[in-house]
Amino acid sequence: MTDQRTSDLPDRMRERLAGLRRDHDKGQAQLQRLMREEAATRDALLRVGGAIRILEELLPEDETPRTGRAGEDGAAPAAAPAEANSRPKPGPPRAVHVP
């Protein structure tokens, strides 16, 4: 004699398998979206970081705001080399008018 639960087992297993495959596909799609978002965020950070560096180089040293931001790897900013600190300081700060 076969019990009803035993005869339904293959059907229940197939349903479970189908559900797991759907979950797997959803997870894969979400992972792909997150990877694209991560890449876009990384690109945006590189662009912003490049713009920051350019503006810092264009501003005279005494007018450059000291942000104290961490380096690219999250570590504390490295101390400036001695030769960078030995440059002659420019004259008095000039007025900058921003429209």
N, C-alpha and C. Protein backbone atom coordinates (compact mmCIF):
# COMPACT_ATOMS: atom_id res chain seq x y z
N MET A 1 0.80 -1.17 0.00
CA MET A 1 0.00 0.00 0.00
C MET A 1 0.86 1.26 0.00
N THR A 2 0.55 2.19 -0.92
CA THR A 2 1.31 3.44 -0.96
C THR A 2 0.53 4.53 -0.24
N ASP A 3 1.23 5.16 0.52
CA ASP A 3 0.69 6.28 1.28
C ASP A 3 0.62 7.52 0.38
N GLN A 4 -0.37 8.37 0.56
CA GLN A 4 -0.57 9.57 -0.27
C GLN A 4 0.65 10.49 -0.19
N ARG A 5 1.25 10.61 0.99
CA ARG A 5 2.41 11.48 1.17
C ARG A 5 3.59 10.98 0.35
N THR A 6 3.77 9.68 0.26
CA THR A 6 4.89 9.11 -0.49
C THR A 6 4.70 9.34 -1.99
N SER A 7 3.49 9.22 -2.48
CA SER A 7 3.26 9.41 -3.91
C SER A 7 3.35 10.88 -4.32
N ASP A 8 3.12 11.81 -3.39
CA ASP A 8 3.22 13.25 -3.69
C ASP A 8 4.66 13.76 -3.58
N LEU A 9 5.54 12.96 -3.03
CA LEU A 9 6.92 13.41 -2.79
C LEU A 9 7.61 13.91 -4.06
N PRO A 10 7.60 13.19 -5.18
CA PRO A 10 8.27 13.71 -6.38
C PRO A 10 7.68 15.06 -6.85
N ASP A 11 6.36 15.22 -6.76
CA ASP A 11 5.74 16.49 -7.15
C ASP A 11 6.18 17.63 -6.23
N ARG A 12 6.21 17.35 -4.94
CA ARG A 12 6.66 18.38 -3.99
C ARG A 12 8.12 18.73 -4.22
N MET A 13 8.93 17.73 -4.54
CA MET A 13 10.34 17.99 -4.82
C MET A 13 10.51 18.84 -6.07
N ARG A 14 9.69 18.56 -7.11
CA ARG A 14 9.76 19.35 -8.33
C ARG A 14 9.35 20.80 -8.08
N GLU A 15 8.30 20.99 -7.28
CA GLU A 15 7.86 22.34 -6.94
C GLU A 15 8.95 23.08 -6.16
N ARG A 16 9.55 22.39 -5.21
CA ARG A 16 10.62 23.00 -4.43
C ARG A 16 11.80 23.36 -5.31
N LEU A 17 12.15 22.46 -6.22
CA LEU A 17 13.25 22.71 -7.15
C LEU A 17 12.95 23.93 -8.01
N ALA A 18 11.73 24.04 -8.52
CA ALA A 18 11.35 25.18 -9.35
C ALA A 18 11.45 26.48 -8.54
N GLY A 19 11.01 26.45 -7.28
CA GLY A 19 11.09 27.63 -6.42
C GLY A 19 12.53 28.03 -6.15
N LEU A 20 13.37 27.04 -5.89
CA LEU A 20 14.78 27.34 -5.64
C LEU A 20 15.46 27.92 -6.87
N ARG A 21 15.11 27.41 -8.04
CA ARG A 21 15.68 27.96 -9.28
C ARG A 21 15.24 29.41 -9.49
N ARG A 22 13.97 29.71 -9.19
CA ARG A 22 13.50 31.10 -9.30
C ARG A 22 14.27 32.01 -8.34
N ASP A 23 14.42 31.55 -7.09
CA ASP A 23 15.17 32.33 -6.11
C ASP A 23 16.61 32.54 -6.55
N HIS A 24 17.21 31.50 -7.11
CA HIS A 24 18.59 31.60 -7.59
C HIS A 24 18.69 32.62 -8.72
N ASP A 25 17.76 32.58 -9.66
CA ASP A 25 17.77 33.52 -10.77
C ASP A 25 17.59 34.97 -10.29
N LYS A 26 16.67 35.15 -9.32
CA LYS A 26 16.48 36.50 -8.75
C LYS A 26 17.76 36.98 -8.07
N GLY A 27 18.40 36.10 -7.32
CA GLY A 27 19.64 36.47 -6.64
C GLY A 27 20.74 36.82 -7.62
N GLN A 28 20.85 36.06 -8.70
CA GLN A 28 21.85 36.35 -9.73
C GLN A 28 21.59 37.72 -10.36
N ALA A 29 20.32 38.01 -10.66
CA ALA A 29 19.97 39.30 -11.27
C ALA A 29 20.30 40.45 -10.31
N GLN A 30 19.99 40.27 -9.04
CA GLN A 30 20.27 41.31 -8.05
C GLN A 30 21.78 41.52 -7.91
N LEU A 31 22.53 40.43 -7.90
CA LEU A 31 23.98 40.54 -7.80
C LEU A 31 24.55 41.30 -9.00
N GLN A 32 24.06 41.02 -10.19
CA GLN A 32 24.52 41.74 -11.39
C GLN A 32 24.21 43.23 -11.29
N ARG A 33 23.00 43.57 -10.81
CA ARG A 33 22.64 44.99 -10.64
C ARG A 33 23.57 45.66 -9.64
N LEU A 34 23.84 44.99 -8.53
CA LEU A 34 24.72 45.56 -7.52
C LEU A 34 26.15 45.74 -8.04
N MET A 35 26.61 44.80 -8.84
CA MET A 35 27.96 44.91 -9.40
C MET A 35 28.04 46.09 -10.36
N ARG A 36 26.98 46.31 -11.17
CA ARG A 36 26.96 47.47 -12.07
C ARG A 36 26.92 48.77 -11.26
N GLU A 37 26.14 48.77 -10.19
CA GLU A 37 26.06 49.96 -9.34
C GLU A 37 27.40 50.25 -8.67
N GLU A 38 28.07 49.19 -8.21
CA GLU A 38 29.39 49.37 -7.59
C GLU A 38 30.37 49.96 -8.59
N ALA A 39 30.37 49.45 -9.81
CA ALA A 39 31.28 49.96 -10.82
C ALA A 39 30.98 51.43 -11.14
N ALA A 40 29.70 51.78 -11.23
CA ALA A 40 29.33 53.17 -11.51
C ALA A 40 29.75 54.08 -10.37
N THR A 41 29.58 53.61 -9.13
CA THR A 41 29.98 54.41 -7.96
C THR A 41 31.49 54.58 -7.93
N ARG A 42 32.22 53.52 -8.23
CA ARG A 42 33.67 53.60 -8.25
C ARG A 42 34.14 54.60 -9.32
N ASP A 43 33.53 54.57 -10.50
CA ASP A 43 33.87 55.52 -11.56
C ASP A 43 33.59 56.95 -11.13
N ALA A 44 32.44 57.16 -10.49
CA ALA A 44 32.09 58.51 -10.03
C ALA A 44 33.09 59.00 -8.99
N LEU A 45 33.49 58.13 -8.08
CA LEU A 45 34.47 58.52 -7.07
C LEU A 45 35.82 58.85 -7.70
N LEU A 46 36.21 58.11 -8.72
CA LEU A 46 37.47 58.42 -9.40
C LEU A 46 37.41 59.78 -10.08
N ARG A 47 36.28 60.08 -10.72
CA ARG A 47 36.12 61.39 -11.38
C ARG A 47 36.16 62.52 -10.36
N VAL A 48 35.43 62.35 -9.25
CA VAL A 48 35.39 63.40 -8.23
C VAL A 48 36.77 63.55 -7.60
N GLY A 49 37.44 62.44 -7.32
CA GLY A 49 38.79 62.51 -6.75
C GLY A 49 39.76 63.21 -7.68
N GLY A 50 39.64 62.95 -8.97
CA GLY A 50 40.49 63.64 -9.95
C GLY A 50 40.21 65.13 -9.98
N ALA A 51 38.94 65.50 -9.92
CA ALA A 51 38.59 66.92 -9.91
C ALA A 51 39.12 67.60 -8.65
N ILE A 52 39.05 66.91 -7.52
CA ILE A 52 39.57 67.46 -6.27
C ILE A 52 41.07 67.71 -6.41
N ARG A 53 41.79 66.73 -6.92
CA ARG A 53 43.25 66.89 -7.07
C ARG A 53 43.59 68.06 -7.98
N ILE A 54 42.87 68.19 -9.09
CA ILE A 54 43.15 69.29 -10.01
C ILE A 54 42.91 70.64 -9.34
N LEU A 55 41.78 70.77 -8.65
CA LEU A 55 41.49 72.03 -7.97
C LEU A 55 42.49 72.32 -6.87
N GLU A 56 42.92 71.29 -6.15
CA GLU A 56 43.93 71.50 -5.11
C GLU A 56 45.25 71.97 -5.71
N GLU A 57 45.59 71.46 -6.88
CA GLU A 57 46.83 71.88 -7.53
C GLU A 57 46.72 73.29 -8.08
N LEU A 58 45.53 73.69 -8.51
CA LEU A 58 45.35 75.02 -9.08
C LEU A 58 45.30 76.11 -8.02
N LEU A 59 44.80 75.78 -6.84
CA LEU A 59 44.74 76.76 -5.76
C LEU A 59 46.12 76.94 -5.15
N PRO A 60 46.47 78.18 -4.79
CA PRO A 60 47.74 78.36 -4.07
C PRO A 60 47.69 77.58 -2.76
N GLU A 61 48.84 77.15 -2.30
CA GLU A 61 48.92 76.27 -1.14
C GLU A 61 48.25 76.87 0.09
N ASP A 62 48.42 78.17 0.33
CA ASP A 62 47.85 78.76 1.54
C ASP A 62 46.33 78.94 1.44
N GLU A 63 45.74 78.77 0.26
CA GLU A 63 44.29 78.90 0.10
C GLU A 63 43.60 77.54 0.00
N THR A 64 44.38 76.47 -0.07
CA THR A 64 43.80 75.15 -0.20
C THR A 64 43.22 74.71 1.14
N PRO A 65 41.91 74.42 1.19
CA PRO A 65 41.35 73.96 2.47
C PRO A 65 41.94 72.62 2.86
N ARG A 66 42.21 72.47 4.11
CA ARG A 66 42.75 71.20 4.62
C ARG A 66 41.57 70.34 5.03
N THR A 67 41.29 69.32 4.25
CA THR A 67 40.12 68.49 4.53
C THR A 67 40.42 67.37 5.48
N GLY A 68 41.67 66.95 5.58
CA GLY A 68 42.02 65.85 6.45
C GLY A 68 41.39 64.55 6.01
N ARG A 69 41.08 64.44 4.72
CA ARG A 69 40.42 63.23 4.24
C ARG A 69 41.42 62.09 4.16
N ALA A 70 40.90 60.90 4.25
CA ALA A 70 41.73 59.69 4.19
C ALA A 70 42.20 59.46 2.78
N GLY A 71 43.24 58.65 2.63
CA GLY A 71 43.75 58.29 1.32
C GLY A 71 42.79 57.37 0.59
N GLU A 72 43.13 57.00 -0.62
CA GLU A 72 42.27 56.15 -1.45
C GLU A 72 41.93 54.83 -0.77
N ASP A 73 42.85 54.30 0.03
CA ASP A 73 42.64 53.00 0.65
C ASP A 73 41.97 53.11 2.01
N GLY A 74 41.56 54.33 2.39
CA GLY A 74 40.91 54.52 3.67
C GLY A 74 41.88 54.80 4.81
N ALA A 75 43.18 54.76 4.53
CA ALA A 75 44.17 55.02 5.56
C ALA A 75 44.29 56.53 5.78
N ALA A 76 44.89 56.90 6.88
CA ALA A 76 45.09 58.31 7.16
C ALA A 76 46.03 58.91 6.11
N PRO A 77 45.88 60.20 5.79
CA PRO A 77 46.74 60.80 4.79
C PRO A 77 48.20 60.74 5.24
N ALA A 78 49.07 60.49 4.30
CA ALA A 78 50.50 60.42 4.60
C ALA A 78 51.04 61.82 4.85
N ALA A 79 52.07 61.91 5.65
CA ALA A 79 52.69 63.20 5.91
C ALA A 79 53.35 63.71 4.64
N ALA A 80 53.35 65.02 4.45
CA ALA A 80 53.94 65.60 3.25
C ALA A 80 55.46 65.44 3.32
N PRO A 81 56.09 65.17 2.17
CA PRO A 81 57.55 65.06 2.16
C PRO A 81 58.19 66.38 2.56
N ALA A 82 59.37 66.31 3.13
CA ALA A 82 60.06 67.50 3.61
C ALA A 82 60.28 68.51 2.49
N GLU A 83 60.63 68.06 1.29
CA GLU A 83 60.88 69.00 0.19
C GLU A 83 59.63 69.76 -0.22
N ALA A 84 58.46 69.16 -0.03
CA ALA A 84 57.23 69.87 -0.37
C ALA A 84 56.98 71.00 0.62
N ASN A 85 57.42 70.82 1.86
CA ASN A 85 57.24 71.85 2.87
C ASN A 85 58.29 72.94 2.79
N SER A 86 59.36 72.71 2.06
CA SER A 86 60.44 73.68 2.00
C SER A 86 60.28 74.66 0.86
N ARG A 87 59.19 74.59 0.11
CA ARG A 87 58.97 75.56 -0.96
C ARG A 87 58.80 76.95 -0.37
N PRO A 88 59.24 77.96 -1.11
CA PRO A 88 59.01 79.31 -0.60
C PRO A 88 57.52 79.60 -0.61
N LYS A 89 57.06 80.29 0.42
CA LYS A 89 55.65 80.63 0.53
C LYS A 89 55.36 81.82 -0.39
N PRO A 90 54.20 81.80 -1.04
CA PRO A 90 53.84 82.94 -1.87
C PRO A 90 53.57 84.17 -1.00
N GLY A 91 53.49 85.32 -1.63
CA GLY A 91 53.23 86.58 -0.93
C GLY A 91 51.88 86.55 -0.25
N PRO A 92 51.41 87.71 0.15
CA PRO A 92 50.12 87.76 0.84
C PRO A 92 49.02 87.18 -0.03
N PRO A 93 48.01 86.61 0.58
CA PRO A 93 46.93 86.00 -0.19
C PRO A 93 46.23 87.05 -1.06
N ARG A 94 45.91 86.65 -2.24
CA ARG A 94 45.21 87.58 -3.13
C ARG A 94 43.72 87.36 -2.97
N ALA A 95 42.97 88.42 -3.22
CA ALA A 95 41.52 88.32 -3.11
C ALA A 95 40.98 87.59 -4.33
N VAL A 96 40.09 86.68 -4.10
CA VAL A 96 39.46 85.95 -5.19
C VAL A 96 37.99 86.28 -5.15
N HIS A 97 37.49 86.80 -6.27
CA HIS A 97 36.08 87.16 -6.36
C HIS A 97 35.36 86.09 -7.18
N VAL A 98 34.36 85.49 -6.57
CA VAL A 98 33.58 84.47 -7.24
C VAL A 98 32.22 85.05 -7.54
N PRO A 99 31.83 85.07 -8.82
CA PRO A 99 30.52 85.66 -9.15
C PRO A 99 29.38 84.84 -8.61
